Structure formats: C-alpha cells, structure tokens
Amino acid sequence: MITVTTESFDEDVLKSDRPVLVDFWTEWCPPCRMLAPILDEIDAEYGDRLVIAKLNADDHPEIALRYNVLGYPTLNLYRNGEIIHQIKGAKPKRMILADLSPHI
C-alpha cells in the first residue's frame, strides 16, 4: 500500500503499469477507519495485480476536487490514467472484491 499526495498522484496513479485503487479518506471519517483493515487485507492478497493507494482528501483537496469526490470513503479504480470503476462508502471485503474482480 502506498500513500499518494498531490505531487505524486500523476506518477504513482495515472502512470502506473498496474490498476491502482485509490482510497480517498479523511481523519474524521469513521467509515474510512473501518475500511482501512479491509484494504490492508486486499493489498496483501492482490498486491501483485493491484496497487492500493491512500490519499488524505483533507490534506490534498485538489485531487479530490479534480475527480469530483464529495463523500468519504470513495474508492476510485484507475487503469491507464482513467477511472474505470468507483465504489462509494465502506463495504464488506467480499463486496469490494466483487466490484473489483472484473478489472484486476
């Protein structure tokens, strides 16, 4: 799992050779905290096929605004610089994997 910033987003996410799941989160968001261990598990299991990146939307609001992320947590899946799937809100691991499986 990586942490991305405004400065590193384009290089780490948009130019990645693997799909990148970006977790837009905030410190004050309880569902974001609930989602964190689930993303850790997915990273451990699928890290060879998928990059998981965390972006603190309070610290880097420019990126959240660029992609019209208005609620947290929001998970955007990027491939070749484009959003190919979006998941809004905290969901169980099995639901996240069901959403991601066609793309990874």
Protein backbone atom coordinates (compact mmCIF):
# COMPACT_ATOMS: atom_id res chain seq x y z
CA MET A 1 0.00 0.00 0.00
CA ILE A 2 1.25 3.44 -0.87
CA THR A 3 0.35 6.95 0.22
CA VAL A 4 -0.15 9.44 -2.57
CA THR A 5 -0.10 13.21 -2.48
CA THR A 6 -0.96 15.99 -4.90
CA GLU A 7 2.65 15.93 -6.04
CA SER A 8 2.90 12.17 -6.54
CA PHE A 9 -0.61 11.38 -7.82
CA ASP A 10 0.05 11.60 -11.55
CA GLU A 11 3.21 9.49 -11.38
CA ASP A 12 2.00 6.91 -8.82
CA VAL A 13 -1.57 6.52 -10.06
CA LEU A 14 -2.10 7.76 -13.59
CA LYS A 15 1.18 6.40 -15.00
CA SER A 16 1.15 3.09 -13.14
CA ASP A 17 1.51 -0.09 -15.20
CA ARG A 18 -0.96 -1.87 -12.87
CA PRO A 19 -4.51 -0.88 -11.89
CA VAL A 20 -4.50 1.46 -8.89
CA LEU A 21 -7.29 1.58 -6.31
CA VAL A 22 -7.19 4.99 -4.63
CA ASP A 23 -8.83 5.29 -1.22
CA PHE A 24 -9.97 8.90 -0.76
CA TRP A 25 -10.29 9.19 3.02
CA THR A 26 -10.23 11.72 5.89
CA GLU A 27 -9.17 11.55 9.53
CA TRP A 28 -12.65 12.48 10.79
CA CYS A 29 -14.46 9.73 8.82
CA PRO A 30 -15.43 6.64 10.92
CA PRO A 31 -16.30 4.51 7.85
CA CYS A 32 -12.83 5.33 6.48
CA ARG A 33 -11.27 3.83 9.60
CA MET A 34 -13.47 0.74 9.23
CA LEU A 35 -12.34 0.29 5.63
CA ALA A 36 -8.60 0.57 6.33
CA PRO A 37 -8.03 -3.02 7.59
CA ILE A 38 -10.09 -4.40 4.69
CA LEU A 39 -7.84 -2.59 2.22
CA ASP A 40 -4.79 -3.93 4.06
CA GLU A 41 -6.12 -7.48 3.53
CA ILE A 42 -6.86 -6.85 -0.15
CA ASP A 43 -3.38 -5.39 -0.59
CA ALA A 44 -1.80 -8.49 0.99
CA GLU A 45 -3.83 -10.83 -1.24
CA TYR A 46 -3.85 -8.93 -4.55
CA GLY A 47 -0.77 -6.71 -4.32
CA ASP A 48 0.84 -8.44 -7.28
CA ARG A 49 -2.06 -7.41 -9.56
CA LEU A 50 -3.31 -4.21 -7.94
CA VAL A 51 -1.76 -1.16 -6.27
CA ILE A 52 -3.72 0.25 -3.34
CA ALA A 53 -3.08 3.92 -2.67
CA LYS A 54 -4.37 6.11 0.14
CA LEU A 55 -4.99 9.82 -0.36
CA ASN A 56 -5.97 12.03 2.57
CA ALA A 57 -8.56 14.29 0.94
CA ASP A 58 -8.25 16.94 3.67
CA ASP A 59 -4.52 17.26 3.02
CA HIS A 60 -4.84 17.05 -0.79
CA PRO A 61 -8.25 18.52 -1.70
CA GLU A 62 -7.12 19.40 -5.24
CA ILE A 63 -7.10 15.74 -6.25
CA ALA A 64 -10.48 15.03 -4.63
CA LEU A 65 -11.95 18.03 -6.45
CA ARG A 66 -10.34 17.00 -9.76
CA TYR A 67 -12.22 13.70 -9.60
CA ASN A 68 -15.41 15.13 -8.05
CA VAL A 69 -15.04 13.07 -4.85
CA LEU A 70 -17.59 14.55 -2.46
CA GLY A 71 -18.11 11.76 0.10
CA TYR A 72 -15.75 9.55 2.06
CA PRO A 73 -14.61 6.93 1.74
CA THR A 74 -14.58 6.79 -2.05
CA LEU A 75 -12.52 4.20 -3.88
CA ASN A 76 -11.58 5.03 -7.47
CA LEU A 77 -10.00 2.34 -9.61
CA TYR A 78 -7.66 3.74 -12.26
CA ARG A 79 -6.16 2.00 -15.28
CA ASN A 80 -4.08 3.77 -17.92
CA GLY A 81 -4.83 7.13 -16.32
CA GLU A 82 -8.62 6.75 -16.39
CA ILE A 83 -11.20 5.90 -13.74
CA ILE A 84 -12.66 2.53 -14.68
CA HIS A 85 -14.72 1.90 -11.53
CA GLN A 86 -15.84 3.77 -8.42
CA ILE A 87 -17.02 2.45 -5.05
CA LYS A 88 -18.68 4.86 -2.64
CA GLY A 89 -18.85 4.20 1.07
CA ALA A 90 -17.47 1.44 3.26
CA LYS A 91 -18.43 -2.06 2.14
CA PRO A 92 -17.51 -5.57 3.28
CA LYS A 93 -14.45 -7.13 1.70
CA ARG A 94 -16.47 -9.60 -0.38
CA MET A 95 -18.47 -6.75 -1.96
CA ILE A 96 -15.35 -4.73 -2.76
CA LEU A 97 -13.71 -7.78 -4.34
CA ALA A 98 -16.88 -8.50 -6.35
CA ASP A 99 -16.75 -4.94 -7.68
CA LEU A 100 -13.02 -5.17 -8.48
CA SER A 101 -12.83 -8.70 -9.88
CA PRO A 102 -13.77 -7.82 -13.48
CA HIS A 103 -10.98 -5.23 -13.53
CA ILE A 104 -8.00 -7.00 -11.93
